[in-house]
Amino acid sequence: MEDKYMKISDLNLYIKSMFDDNPYLKKVYLRGEISNFKNHSRGHLYFTLKDDSSRISAVMFYSSAVNINFAPEDGMNVLVEGRISCYPAQGTYQIYVDKMEVDGLGNLYLEFEKLKQKLASEGLFDRERKKEIPKIPKRIGIITAPTGAAIRDIISTIKRRFPICETILFPALVQGSDAASDIVRQIKEADSGKYDIDVLIVGRGGGSIEDLWAFNEEIVARAISEARVPIISAVGHEIDFTIADFVADMRAPTPTGAAEMAVPTISEINNMISSYQIRLNEFVGNLIHKSKIRLDNIKSSYILKNPLSLYELKEQKLDNFIDILNSNIKKRLDNYKLMLDNIKKSYVLKNPMSLFLVKKERLIFQEKTLYGDIKNIILKNEHDYKLLVNTLKLVNPLGILEKGYSLVKKEDTLIKNSQDLKINDIINIRLYEGEVKAEVREVN
């Protein structure tokens, strides 16, 4: 009887082949929320991808997971790319994820945090790098869009608060793919030194994170950090924070706030002048008072009332110096006189020839010593020479020949053994005087 029942493993393998052969399931793009996330010790990622009404199991192997630039976790909305297949051991279908990224604004936030950490580690946010904003600027540069509320608010605020301050607009794109490079170009232009700018405002009005993204670009951050002119960042609204805000020398909550930080008001200037005037009056008054006290002390001083007393003191000091000087001169002269008397009484001065005789005797003695040393050296060298000659005679091979010995050579080889010769060989015999060429007749 035919068996019509299948094994479960066979059925699951058949279903897997249907998934694998379906062209629509080989490349699938899904958007969903991560749940039941598990990071295996081998680096594989296991999780469930769900939306409002459905869910699907997902696995991302280490070879793909190593390429993602964020740490997945439960509740995170992601975009995944992969293929649908069946896991035969459990009979469930799942998506095998090849690529995964954060959905929507989350990806921009990750890029923001990554750049923020990088620049912070380099010290670009350190307070020690911040330049001081001048209290009373004469000229302010503004980098923003030439039209819109931001430029109007900045200029109107500066004119209202401090109308004598000049402003220069450096129009730039503040949104779009070319905005970052345009902002950098204008920062370098404003910072070139041609415009004598005291402070620079860089910013724009509010918007979405995508609208403000040019101020999160690394090239903008580095241009702000490298500028010599102090920079106030004025991007978006008070709740908006960009990388430019952290790098700038001062962060303003709005463009209007930047203008208020950049310039004082006329009343503030008047109060400052009044404060300086009060402090100056107090300083001058104290200086006059101290000078008056000093003048009174001088007027009542003993020296001023008795000027001759100062002269008398100086006269007495001068007398003391003269006495000391005379005493030192007398001591020095007495010493020299004593030295001169000793020289006059000396034996050498009375008998100058005695010094010559002493030198002559010493010279004769040195000559005798020198001749003796030379003679000894010559005798020693002669003795050493004879020793060397005798040594050479002992090792001279011709000396042995002189005793009746001879040297036998076959061609250029010295013969030491009779076995090296055979009958009819031609040999050379070296005697003490002369050589003999011979033929071997017998070898024993």
Protein backbone atom coordinates (compact mmCIF):
# COMPACT_ATOMS: atom_id res chain seq x y z
CA MET A 1 0.00 0.00 0.00
CA GLU A 2 1.49 3.39 -1.05
CA ASP A 3 2.60 5.68 1.86
CA LYS A 4 1.05 9.12 1.24
CA TYR A 5 2.44 10.81 4.38
CA MET A 6 5.47 13.18 4.19
CA LYS A 7 8.14 13.94 6.75
CA ILE A 8 7.86 17.36 8.36
CA SER A 9 11.47 18.12 7.41
CA ASP A 10 10.69 17.35 3.77
CA LEU A 11 7.67 19.66 3.82
CA ASN A 12 9.69 22.48 5.40
CA LEU A 13 12.47 22.08 2.85
CA TYR A 14 9.90 22.19 0.05
CA ILE A 15 8.40 25.39 1.50
CA LYS A 16 11.93 26.88 1.83
CA SER A 17 12.61 26.14 -1.84
CA MET A 18 9.38 27.98 -2.75
CA PHE A 19 10.58 31.04 -0.79
CA ASP A 20 14.07 30.89 -2.28
CA ASP A 21 12.80 30.54 -5.86
CA ASN A 22 10.35 33.45 -5.59
CA PRO A 23 12.01 36.49 -7.28
CA TYR A 24 9.83 38.93 -5.27
CA LEU A 25 11.22 37.61 -1.97
CA LYS A 26 14.92 37.70 -2.89
CA LYS A 27 15.15 41.48 -2.32
CA VAL A 28 12.69 42.92 0.21
CA TYR A 29 12.67 46.40 1.79
CA LEU A 30 10.88 46.76 5.14
CA ARG A 31 10.24 49.56 7.64
CA GLY A 32 9.49 48.60 11.22
CA GLU A 33 10.25 48.73 14.93
CA ILE A 34 12.80 46.45 16.63
CA SER A 35 11.63 44.25 19.53
CA ASN A 36 12.99 41.17 21.34
CA PHE A 37 16.48 42.21 20.28
CA LYS A 38 19.33 39.80 21.05
CA ASN A 39 23.03 40.25 20.26
CA HIS A 40 24.59 36.79 20.09
CA SER A 41 28.10 36.21 21.45
CA ARG A 42 29.23 35.31 17.91
CA GLY A 43 28.09 38.71 16.59
CA HIS A 44 24.81 37.60 14.96
CA LEU A 45 21.71 39.78 15.62
CA TYR A 46 18.29 38.23 16.30
CA PHE A 47 15.16 40.38 16.64
CA THR A 48 11.52 40.85 15.68
CA LEU A 49 10.46 43.54 13.23
CA LYS A 50 6.94 44.82 13.79
CA ASP A 51 4.47 47.54 12.81
CA ASP A 52 1.05 48.42 14.22
CA SER A 53 -0.60 45.11 13.32
CA SER A 54 2.02 42.53 12.24
CA ARG A 55 5.47 41.18 12.97
CA ILE A 56 8.20 39.08 11.34
CA SER A 57 11.27 37.34 12.76
CA ALA A 58 14.62 38.70 11.57
CA VAL A 59 18.23 37.61 11.69
CA MET A 60 21.33 39.55 10.67
CA PHE A 61 24.55 37.56 10.51
CA TYR A 62 27.88 38.98 11.72
CA SER A 63 29.24 39.49 8.18
CA SER A 64 26.44 42.04 7.56
CA ALA A 65 26.04 43.36 11.13
CA VAL A 66 29.67 44.52 11.27
CA ASN A 67 28.90 47.18 8.62
CA ILE A 68 26.17 49.10 10.51
CA ASN A 69 27.21 52.37 12.22
CA PHE A 70 24.81 52.34 15.20
CA ALA A 71 23.83 50.07 18.09
CA PRO A 72 20.36 48.52 17.48
CA GLU A 73 18.01 48.28 20.45
CA ASP A 74 14.36 47.60 21.26
CA GLY A 75 11.95 50.36 20.19
CA MET A 76 14.23 51.70 17.45
CA ASN A 77 12.60 52.35 14.05
CA VAL A 78 14.74 51.00 11.25
CA LEU A 79 14.85 50.42 7.51
CA VAL A 80 16.05 46.95 6.49
CA GLU A 81 16.99 45.27 3.23
CA GLY A 82 17.12 41.48 2.90
CA ARG A 83 15.55 38.27 1.63
CA ILE A 84 12.64 36.16 2.89
CA SER A 85 13.22 32.46 3.51
CA CYS A 86 12.09 29.58 5.71
CA TYR A 87 13.98 28.19 8.69
CA PRO A 88 13.33 24.44 8.21
CA ALA A 89 14.18 23.40 11.76
CA GLN A 90 11.21 25.36 13.19
CA GLY A 91 9.04 25.72 10.09
CA THR A 92 8.95 29.52 10.39
CA TYR A 93 9.68 32.09 7.76
CA GLN A 94 11.89 35.13 8.51
CA ILE A 95 13.83 37.89 6.88
CA TYR A 96 17.61 37.55 6.55
CA VAL A 97 18.79 41.17 6.84
CA ASP A 98 21.72 42.33 4.67
CA LYS A 99 21.54 46.09 5.41
CA MET A 100 19.94 48.15 8.19
CA GLU A 101 19.81 51.86 9.01
CA VAL A 102 17.88 54.09 11.37
CA ASP A 103 14.60 55.30 9.95
CA GLY A 104 14.08 58.99 9.16
CA LEU A 105 15.55 61.64 11.47
CA GLY A 106 17.17 59.08 13.69
CA ASN A 107 19.95 58.57 11.16
CA LEU A 108 20.69 62.30 11.08
CA TYR A 109 20.77 62.34 14.87
CA LEU A 110 23.33 59.53 14.89
CA GLU A 111 25.52 61.45 12.43
CA PHE A 112 25.14 64.54 14.64
CA GLU A 113 26.22 62.66 17.78
CA LYS A 114 29.11 60.94 16.00
CA LEU A 115 30.58 64.24 14.74
CA LYS A 116 29.94 65.91 18.09
CA GLN A 117 31.95 63.25 19.93
CA LYS A 118 34.77 63.43 17.36
CA LEU A 119 35.17 67.23 17.58
CA ALA A 120 34.82 67.19 21.37
CA SER A 121 37.66 64.65 21.62
CA GLU A 122 39.84 67.03 19.55
CA GLY A 123 39.14 69.87 22.00
CA LEU A 124 37.17 72.10 19.59
CA PHE A 125 34.49 72.68 22.25
CA ASP A 126 36.90 73.56 25.08
CA ARG A 127 36.25 76.83 26.87
CA GLU A 128 39.95 77.71 26.72
CA ARG A 129 39.68 78.00 22.92
CA LYS A 130 36.80 80.50 23.05
CA LYS A 131 37.65 84.07 22.05
CA GLU A 132 36.17 86.97 23.98
CA ILE A 133 33.39 88.96 22.29
CA PRO A 134 34.31 92.69 22.27
CA LYS A 135 32.04 94.84 24.43
CA ILE A 136 31.86 97.77 21.98
CA PRO A 137 32.34 96.58 18.38
CA LYS A 138 32.77 99.11 15.58
CA ARG A 139 31.93 96.74 12.71
CA ILE A 140 29.98 93.44 12.68
CA GLY A 141 29.94 90.86 9.89
CA ILE A 142 26.78 88.82 9.26
CA ILE A 143 26.76 85.50 7.38
CA THR A 144 23.23 84.43 6.52
CA ALA A 145 20.73 84.42 3.67
CA PRO A 146 20.33 87.88 2.11
CA THR A 147 16.54 87.60 2.33
CA GLY A 148 14.35 86.41 5.17
CA ALA A 149 13.51 87.29 8.74
CA ALA A 150 16.96 86.48 10.19
CA ILE A 151 18.88 89.26 8.44
CA ARG A 152 16.10 91.78 9.06
CA ASP A 153 15.95 90.93 12.77
CA ILE A 154 19.75 91.13 13.20
CA ILE A 155 20.18 94.48 11.41
CA SER A 156 17.13 96.10 13.00
CA THR A 157 18.23 95.00 16.49
CA ILE A 158 21.77 96.35 15.99
CA LYS A 159 20.49 99.69 14.64
CA ARG A 160 18.02 100.00 17.49
CA ARG A 161 20.49 99.16 20.25
CA PHE A 162 23.75 100.63 18.92
CA PRO A 163 23.19 102.66 15.73
CA ILE A 164 26.81 103.81 15.40
CA CYS A 165 27.95 100.22 14.74
CA GLU A 166 28.51 99.28 11.07
CA THR A 167 27.26 95.99 9.61
CA ILE A 168 28.50 94.04 6.57
CA LEU A 169 26.41 91.26 5.06
CA PHE A 170 28.19 88.24 3.58
CA PRO A 171 25.28 86.53 1.77
CA ALA A 172 25.39 82.74 1.86
CA LEU A 173 23.23 79.73 1.18
CA VAL A 174 21.94 78.39 4.50
CA GLN A 175 20.03 75.36 3.22
CA GLY A 176 20.69 72.61 0.70
CA SER A 177 23.62 70.51 -0.49
CA ASP A 178 25.82 73.52 -1.39
CA ALA A 179 25.10 75.50 1.77
CA ALA A 180 27.98 74.19 3.90
CA SER A 181 30.69 75.02 1.36
CA ASP A 182 29.14 78.48 0.75
CA ILE A 183 29.12 79.24 4.49
CA VAL A 184 32.77 78.18 4.77
CA ARG A 185 33.71 80.40 1.82
CA GLN A 186 32.05 83.44 3.42
CA ILE A 187 33.62 82.77 6.84
CA LYS A 188 37.08 82.77 5.24
CA GLU A 189 36.24 85.94 3.28
CA ALA A 190 35.02 87.77 6.39
CA ASP A 191 38.06 86.55 8.37
CA SER A 192 40.56 87.57 5.68
CA GLY A 193 41.35 90.89 7.41
CA LYS A 194 40.16 93.08 4.53
CA TYR A 195 37.05 94.30 6.34
CA ASP A 196 38.38 95.06 9.87
CA ILE A 197 35.53 93.13 11.51
CA ASP A 198 35.32 92.94 15.33
CA VAL A 199 32.77 90.12 15.59
CA LEU A 200 31.01 87.79 13.14
CA ILE A 201 27.42 86.48 13.42
CA VAL A 202 26.79 83.19 11.58
CA GLY A 203 23.28 81.73 11.45
CA ARG A 204 19.79 81.56 10.04
CA GLY A 205 16.17 81.34 11.15
CA GLY A 206 14.42 78.24 12.46
CA GLY A 207 13.47 75.12 10.53
CA SER A 208 13.57 71.34 10.57
CA ILE A 209 16.73 69.40 11.30
CA GLU A 210 17.19 68.89 7.57
CA ASP A 211 16.92 72.67 7.01
CA LEU A 212 19.56 73.38 9.66
CA TRP A 213 21.87 70.54 8.64
CA ALA A 214 24.44 72.74 6.89
CA PHE A 215 25.46 74.01 10.35
CA ASN A 216 26.09 70.40 11.45
CA GLU A 217 28.68 69.80 8.71
CA GLU A 218 32.31 69.21 9.79
CA ILE A 219 33.76 71.73 7.30
CA VAL A 220 31.63 74.51 8.82
CA ALA A 221 32.66 73.55 12.34
CA ARG A 222 36.36 73.61 11.46
CA ALA A 223 36.05 76.94 9.62
CA ILE A 224 34.45 78.50 12.73
CA SER A 225 37.16 77.01 14.96
CA GLU A 226 40.02 78.28 12.77
CA ALA A 227 38.66 81.83 12.36
CA ARG A 228 40.62 84.65 14.04
CA VAL A 229 37.51 86.86 14.43
CA PRO A 230 35.21 85.97 17.37
CA ILE A 231 32.04 84.24 16.09
CA ILE A 232 28.53 84.16 17.53
CA SER A 233 26.41 81.22 16.35
CA ALA A 234 22.74 82.06 15.83
CA VAL A 235 21.02 79.06 14.26
CA GLY A 236 17.30 78.37 14.53
CA HIS A 237 15.25 78.79 17.68
CA GLU A 238 16.25 78.46 21.32
CA ILE A 239 15.54 74.69 21.36
CA ASP A 240 17.68 74.05 18.25
CA PHE A 241 21.29 73.02 18.81
CA THR A 242 23.85 72.51 16.04
CA ILE A 243 27.54 71.63 15.92
CA ALA A 244 28.23 75.27 15.03
CA ASP A 245 26.76 76.30 18.41
CA PHE A 246 29.30 74.15 20.29
CA VAL A 247 32.32 75.33 18.27
CA ALA A 248 31.48 79.05 18.15
CA ASP A 249 32.87 81.47 20.72
CA MET A 250 29.32 82.25 21.85
CA ARG A 251 25.94 80.62 21.17
CA ALA A 252 22.82 82.76 20.77
CA PRO A 253 19.31 81.25 21.07
CA THR A 254 18.04 83.18 18.02
CA PRO A 255 19.42 85.60 15.39
CA THR A 256 17.85 88.47 17.35
CA GLY A 257 19.57 87.19 20.50
CA ALA A 258 22.89 87.16 18.62
CA ALA A 259 22.48 90.84 17.72
CA GLU A 260 21.68 91.67 21.35
CA MET A 261 24.81 89.81 22.51
CA ALA A 262 27.01 91.48 19.90
CA VAL A 263 26.24 95.13 20.74
CA PRO A 264 25.34 97.09 23.86
CA THR A 265 22.46 99.56 24.07
CA ILE A 266 22.95 103.33 24.24
CA SER A 267 21.70 103.27 27.82
CA GLU A 268 24.28 100.60 28.69
CA ILE A 269 27.00 102.76 27.13
CA ASN A 270 25.79 105.78 29.09
CA ASN A 271 25.74 103.74 32.30
CA MET A 272 29.22 102.44 31.51
CA ILE A 273 30.50 105.98 30.90
CA SER A 274 28.88 107.19 34.10
CA SER A 275 30.45 104.30 36.00
CA TYR A 276 33.84 105.07 34.50
CA GLN A 277 33.40 108.76 35.34
CA ILE A 278 32.60 107.96 38.96
CA ARG A 279 35.53 105.58 39.24
CA LEU A 280 37.83 108.12 37.54
CA ASN A 281 36.72 110.91 39.89
CA GLU A 282 37.30 108.64 42.88
CA PHE A 283 40.71 107.64 41.57
CA VAL A 284 41.80 111.24 40.88
CA GLY A 285 40.44 112.37 44.25
CA ASN A 286 42.37 109.64 46.07
CA LEU A 287 45.51 110.48 44.07
CA ILE A 288 45.21 114.19 44.96
CA HIS A 289 44.60 113.34 48.62
CA LYS A 290 47.65 111.04 48.79
CA SER A 291 49.79 113.63 46.98
CA LYS A 292 48.67 116.33 49.41
CA ILE A 293 49.59 114.16 52.39
CA ARG A 294 52.96 113.44 50.84
CA LEU A 295 53.53 117.18 50.19
CA ASP A 296 52.65 118.02 53.81
CA ASN A 297 55.10 115.39 55.02
CA ILE A 298 57.84 116.84 52.82
CA LYS A 299 57.09 120.39 53.96
CA SER A 300 57.29 119.40 57.61
CA SER A 301 60.40 117.24 57.19
CA TYR A 302 63.59 118.07 59.16
CA ILE A 303 65.74 118.08 56.02
CA LEU A 304 63.61 120.70 54.29
CA LYS A 305 63.63 122.92 57.38
CA ASN A 306 67.36 122.39 57.92
CA PRO A 307 68.90 121.84 54.48
CA LEU A 308 72.43 122.32 55.84
CA SER A 309 72.01 119.17 57.93
CA LEU A 310 71.91 117.11 54.76
CA TYR A 311 75.14 118.79 53.61
CA GLU A 312 76.74 118.16 57.00
CA LEU A 313 75.95 114.46 56.83
CA LYS A 314 77.46 114.26 53.37
CA GLU A 315 80.56 116.17 54.52
CA GLN A 316 81.07 113.75 57.41
CA LYS A 317 80.72 110.76 55.05
CA LEU A 318 83.20 112.36 52.67
CA ASP A 319 85.75 112.81 55.48
CA ASN A 320 85.37 109.16 56.42
CA PHE A 321 85.93 108.08 52.83
CA ILE A 322 89.03 110.31 52.53
CA ASP A 323 90.49 108.86 55.75
CA ILE A 324 89.88 105.31 54.57
CA LEU A 325 91.40 106.06 51.18
CA ASN A 326 94.52 107.66 52.69
CA SER A 327 94.95 104.73 55.05
CA ASN A 328 94.73 102.22 52.19
CA ILE A 329 97.18 104.19 50.07
CA LYS A 330 99.69 104.37 52.96
CA LYS A 331 99.42 100.61 53.57
CA ARG A 332 99.95 99.87 49.92
CA LEU A 333 103.01 102.18 49.71
CA ASP A 334 104.52 100.62 52.85
CA ASN A 335 104.14 97.16 51.35
CA TYR A 336 105.81 98.19 48.10
CA LYS A 337 108.65 99.87 50.01
CA LEU A 338 109.25 96.70 52.02
CA MET A 339 109.32 94.62 48.82
CA LEU A 340 111.82 97.04 47.26
CA ASP A 341 114.15 96.86 50.31
CA ASN A 342 114.08 93.07 50.18
CA ILE A 343 115.00 93.13 46.51
CA LYS A 344 117.88 95.54 47.13
CA LYS A 345 119.26 93.30 49.89
CA SER A 346 118.96 90.10 47.85
CA TYR A 347 122.12 88.01 47.10
CA VAL A 348 121.29 87.80 43.38
CA LEU A 349 121.14 91.53 42.92
CA LYS A 350 124.50 91.95 44.67
CA ASN A 351 126.11 89.03 42.84
CA PRO A 352 124.43 88.77 39.41
CA MET A 353 127.18 86.39 38.10
CA SER A 354 126.15 83.79 40.68
CA LEU A 355 122.85 83.30 38.88
CA PHE A 356 124.76 82.76 35.58
CA LEU A 357 127.11 80.21 37.17
CA VAL A 358 124.22 78.21 38.59
CA LYS A 359 122.55 78.06 35.17
CA LYS A 360 125.85 77.10 33.52
CA GLU A 361 126.48 74.22 35.94
CA ARG A 362 122.95 72.96 35.39
CA LEU A 363 123.45 73.10 31.60
CA ILE A 364 126.71 71.10 31.80
CA PHE A 365 125.02 68.48 33.95
CA GLN A 366 122.09 68.17 31.51
CA GLU A 367 124.52 67.81 28.54
CA LYS A 368 126.36 64.96 30.27
CA THR A 369 123.05 63.28 31.11
CA LEU A 370 121.86 63.64 27.52
CA TYR A 371 125.08 62.14 26.04
CA GLY A 372 124.82 59.21 28.44
CA ASP A 373 121.18 58.56 27.52
CA ILE A 374 122.00 58.66 23.77
CA LYS A 375 124.88 56.22 24.21
CA ASN A 376 122.69 53.80 26.17
CA ILE A 377 119.98 53.95 23.51
CA ILE A 378 122.52 53.21 20.73
CA LEU A 379 123.97 50.25 22.65
CA LYS A 380 120.53 48.84 23.31
CA ASN A 381 119.51 49.15 19.64
CA GLU A 382 122.74 47.41 18.53
CA HIS A 383 122.09 44.55 20.95
CA ASP A 384 118.48 44.19 19.75
CA TYR A 385 119.67 44.21 16.14
CA LYS A 386 122.18 41.37 16.72
CA LEU A 387 119.48 39.30 18.44
CA LEU A 388 117.15 39.73 15.46
CA VAL A 389 119.93 38.79 12.98
CA ASN A 390 120.75 35.60 14.92
CA THR A 391 117.05 34.73 15.06
CA LEU A 392 116.74 35.15 11.31
CA LYS A 393 119.74 32.90 10.73
CA LEU A 394 118.16 30.16 12.82
CA VAL A 395 114.93 30.15 10.78
CA ASN A 396 116.62 30.73 7.38
CA PRO A 397 116.04 27.62 5.18
CA LEU A 398 119.32 28.31 3.36
CA GLY A 399 121.13 27.75 6.63
CA ILE A 400 120.01 24.11 6.61
CA LEU A 401 121.23 23.68 3.00
CA GLU A 402 124.62 24.99 4.07
CA LYS A 403 124.94 21.92 6.33
CA GLY A 404 124.66 19.55 3.31
CA TYR A 405 120.91 19.11 3.03
CA SER A 406 118.94 19.70 -0.20
CA LEU A 407 115.35 20.33 -1.34
CA VAL A 408 113.68 18.06 -3.93
CA LYS A 409 110.81 19.41 -6.05
CA LYS A 410 108.69 17.81 -8.76
CA GLU A 411 107.51 20.67 -10.91
CA ASP A 412 106.43 23.19 -8.18
CA THR A 413 105.64 20.61 -5.49
CA LEU A 414 108.09 19.95 -2.65
CA ILE A 415 108.64 16.16 -2.31
CA LYS A 416 108.39 14.89 1.28
CA ASN A 417 107.60 11.21 0.63
CA SER A 418 109.12 8.67 -1.81
CA GLN A 419 105.62 7.53 -2.68
CA ASP A 420 105.07 10.88 -4.42
CA LEU A 421 107.65 9.84 -7.07
CA LYS A 422 107.80 7.17 -9.74
CA ILE A 423 110.50 5.97 -12.17
CA ASN A 424 111.39 8.36 -15.00
CA ASP A 425 110.01 11.40 -13.14
CA ILE A 426 112.05 14.59 -13.67
CA ILE A 427 112.97 16.27 -10.39
CA ASN A 428 114.79 19.49 -9.37
CA ILE A 429 117.32 19.28 -6.53
CA ARG A 430 118.13 22.60 -4.77
CA LEU A 431 121.60 22.62 -3.15
CA TYR A 432 123.20 25.27 -0.97
CA GLU A 433 124.81 26.63 -4.12
CA GLY A 434 122.99 25.89 -7.40
CA GLU A 435 120.35 23.43 -8.64
CA VAL A 436 120.45 19.98 -10.29
CA LYS A 437 117.80 18.50 -12.62
CA ALA A 438 117.66 14.63 -12.38
CA GLU A 439 115.68 11.62 -13.56
CA VAL A 440 114.37 9.01 -11.10
CA ARG A 441 115.85 5.58 -11.75
CA GLU A 442 114.65 3.76 -8.66
CA VAL A 443 112.14 4.41 -5.86
CA ASN A 444 112.56 2.68 -2.46
